[in-house]
Amino acid sequence: MSEFDRIGTNNGHGHAWARPDGVKARCGGTVLCRECTADAALVERWRRETPSEAGASHGPIDPQFHELMNAVARGLDDIFNGPDCKPENKKVGFFLCTYEMNAPGRFNYLSNSNRLDVHAMLREITARLEGRIAAEHTKTPQ
């Protein structure tokens, strides 16, 4: 069992990672709480020590959503890029993500784009949501 197995569980105060049970201690988080600071260091160590591909490799789409998500993706691709559009001729990329409202920690996604382009897009979205990039940022090649 790895020390990293705690990440994403109901262990910890809920500031270094979202707990599946939704609990978040009123401890002051990583600024004031030693346990939260240690948990944040664990997460950072996991990010550094885990190969970058590990975060992107995931299990298959949940079987109950697989057929539906693929049908929605085909429909979106047809609408945005036209029916029977060859991959090299596509102009619009998309990323479809679903999750069950009452089952935290599990999500499904698919895309009509290269995984690295989706990763770059998600990092940019996160940076914008966190206020690290202004909304007027120039166009990127995603």
Protein backbone atom coordinates (compact mmCIF):
# COMPACT_ATOMS: atom_id res chain seq x y z
CA MET A 1 0.00 0.00 0.00
CA SER A 2 1.39 3.37 -1.02
CA GLU A 3 1.39 6.46 1.17
CA PHE A 4 -0.41 8.16 -1.72
CA ASP A 5 -3.45 5.90 -1.34
CA ARG A 6 -4.83 8.37 1.26
CA ILE A 7 -5.27 11.06 -1.42
CA GLY A 8 -8.90 11.47 -2.39
CA THR A 9 -10.23 9.45 0.56
CA ASN A 10 -12.15 10.53 3.65
CA ASN A 11 -8.84 10.90 5.52
CA GLY A 12 -7.52 14.39 6.22
CA HIS A 13 -9.34 17.63 6.82
CA GLY A 14 -10.63 18.16 3.28
CA HIS A 15 -8.42 21.13 2.35
CA ALA A 16 -5.60 19.35 0.48
CA TRP A 17 -8.06 17.16 -1.47
CA ALA A 18 -11.83 17.00 -1.71
CA ARG A 19 -13.12 14.23 0.53
CA PRO A 20 -15.82 12.00 -1.01
CA ASP A 21 -18.02 12.63 2.06
CA GLY A 22 -17.75 16.41 1.53
CA VAL A 23 -16.32 17.11 5.01
CA LYS A 24 -14.08 20.14 5.33
CA ALA A 25 -12.66 20.90 8.78
CA ARG A 26 -12.75 24.43 10.21
CA CYS A 27 -9.05 24.32 10.99
CA GLY A 28 -7.73 27.15 8.86
CA GLY A 29 -6.55 24.91 6.03
CA THR A 30 -2.97 24.70 4.82
CA VAL A 31 -2.13 28.14 6.21
CA LEU A 32 -2.83 27.33 9.88
CA CYS A 33 -3.22 23.55 10.24
CA ARG A 34 -0.26 21.17 10.45
CA GLU A 35 -2.29 18.18 9.24
CA CYS A 36 -3.53 20.09 6.18
CA THR A 37 0.01 21.32 5.45
CA ALA A 38 1.29 17.72 5.62
CA ASP A 39 -1.55 16.53 3.36
CA ALA A 40 -0.81 19.29 0.83
CA ALA A 41 2.87 18.27 0.85
CA LEU A 42 1.80 14.66 0.22
CA VAL A 43 -0.28 15.73 -2.79
CA GLU A 44 2.59 17.82 -4.14
CA ARG A 45 5.02 14.91 -3.70
CA TRP A 46 2.54 12.61 -5.50
CA ARG A 47 2.35 15.07 -8.41
CA ARG A 48 6.15 15.23 -8.70
CA GLU A 49 6.77 11.49 -8.30
CA THR A 50 3.90 10.20 -10.42
CA PRO A 51 4.65 10.05 -14.15
CA SER A 52 2.66 12.72 -15.98
CA GLU A 53 0.94 10.04 -18.03
CA ALA A 54 -0.53 8.48 -14.87
CA GLY A 55 -2.89 11.40 -14.33
CA ALA A 56 -4.19 11.10 -17.86
CA SER A 57 -4.52 7.33 -17.97
CA HIS A 58 -7.82 6.30 -16.52
CA GLY A 59 -10.32 3.54 -16.67
CA PRO A 60 -12.89 3.28 -19.41
CA ILE A 61 -16.11 5.26 -19.38
CA ASP A 62 -18.55 3.85 -16.84
CA PRO A 63 -20.50 1.14 -18.74
CA GLN A 64 -23.85 2.71 -17.91
CA PHE A 65 -22.81 5.91 -19.75
CA HIS A 66 -20.56 4.53 -22.50
CA GLU A 67 -23.11 4.17 -25.30
CA LEU A 68 -24.91 7.42 -24.46
CA MET A 69 -21.72 9.49 -24.26
CA ASN A 70 -20.47 8.14 -27.58
CA ALA A 71 -23.82 8.94 -29.20
CA VAL A 72 -23.73 12.50 -27.82
CA ALA A 73 -20.13 12.90 -28.99
CA ARG A 74 -20.98 11.73 -32.52
CA GLY A 75 -23.89 14.18 -32.59
CA LEU A 76 -21.73 17.10 -31.38
CA ASP A 77 -19.00 16.28 -33.87
CA ASP A 78 -21.53 16.12 -36.72
CA ILE A 79 -23.05 19.45 -35.68
CA PHE A 80 -19.73 21.28 -35.26
CA ASN A 81 -17.69 19.68 -38.04
CA GLY A 82 -20.24 18.16 -40.39
CA PRO A 83 -21.15 14.54 -40.93
CA ASP A 84 -18.36 12.21 -42.05
CA CYS A 85 -15.70 14.92 -41.54
CA LYS A 86 -12.18 13.49 -41.67
CA PRO A 87 -10.05 14.14 -38.54
CA GLU A 88 -7.57 16.32 -40.43
CA ASN A 89 -10.42 18.58 -41.64
CA LYS A 90 -12.07 19.19 -38.24
CA LYS A 91 -12.22 22.82 -37.14
CA VAL A 92 -13.96 22.53 -33.74
CA GLY A 93 -12.75 20.38 -30.88
CA PHE A 94 -14.76 19.49 -27.82
CA PHE A 95 -14.37 17.79 -24.48
CA LEU A 96 -17.41 16.10 -22.94
CA CYS A 97 -17.26 15.43 -19.21
CA THR A 98 -20.00 13.85 -17.13
CA TYR A 99 -20.25 12.93 -13.47
CA GLU A 100 -22.90 11.59 -11.18
CA MET A 101 -24.16 14.28 -8.85
CA ASN A 102 -24.14 11.99 -5.80
CA ALA A 103 -20.98 9.99 -6.56
CA PRO A 104 -18.03 12.36 -6.00
CA GLY A 105 -14.58 11.43 -7.25
CA ARG A 106 -15.66 9.66 -10.43
CA PHE A 107 -16.11 11.29 -13.79
CA ASN A 108 -16.21 10.22 -17.42
CA TYR A 109 -14.91 12.13 -20.39
CA LEU A 110 -14.30 11.85 -24.07
CA SER A 111 -13.15 14.20 -26.77
CA ASN A 112 -12.71 14.49 -30.50
CA SER A 113 -9.29 16.08 -29.89
CA ASN A 114 -5.77 15.04 -29.06
CA ARG A 115 -5.40 14.27 -25.32
CA LEU A 116 -2.50 16.74 -24.96
CA ASP A 117 -4.60 19.53 -26.48
CA VAL A 118 -7.42 18.74 -24.04
CA HIS A 119 -4.92 18.78 -21.17
CA ALA A 120 -3.64 22.21 -22.23
CA MET A 121 -7.21 23.51 -22.54
CA LEU A 122 -8.13 22.25 -19.07
CA ARG A 123 -5.02 23.85 -17.54
CA GLU A 124 -5.94 27.16 -19.17
CA ILE A 125 -9.54 26.94 -17.94
CA THR A 126 -8.31 26.20 -14.42
CA ALA A 127 -5.92 29.15 -14.54
CA ARG A 128 -8.72 31.45 -15.68
CA LEU A 129 -11.09 30.21 -12.95
CA GLU A 130 -8.36 30.76 -10.37
CA GLY A 131 -7.74 34.28 -11.72
CA ARG A 132 -4.20 33.54 -12.91
CA ILE A 133 -5.05 34.41 -16.54
CA ALA A 134 -7.21 37.32 -17.62
CA ALA A 135 -10.29 36.46 -19.67
CA GLU A 136 -8.91 38.51 -22.59
CA HIS A 137 -6.00 36.06 -23.01
CA THR A 138 -4.95 35.60 -26.62
CA LYS A 139 -6.11 32.61 -28.62
CA THR A 140 -4.31 29.32 -28.07
CA PRO A 141 -4.07 26.42 -30.51
CA GLN A 142 -6.38 24.02 -28.62
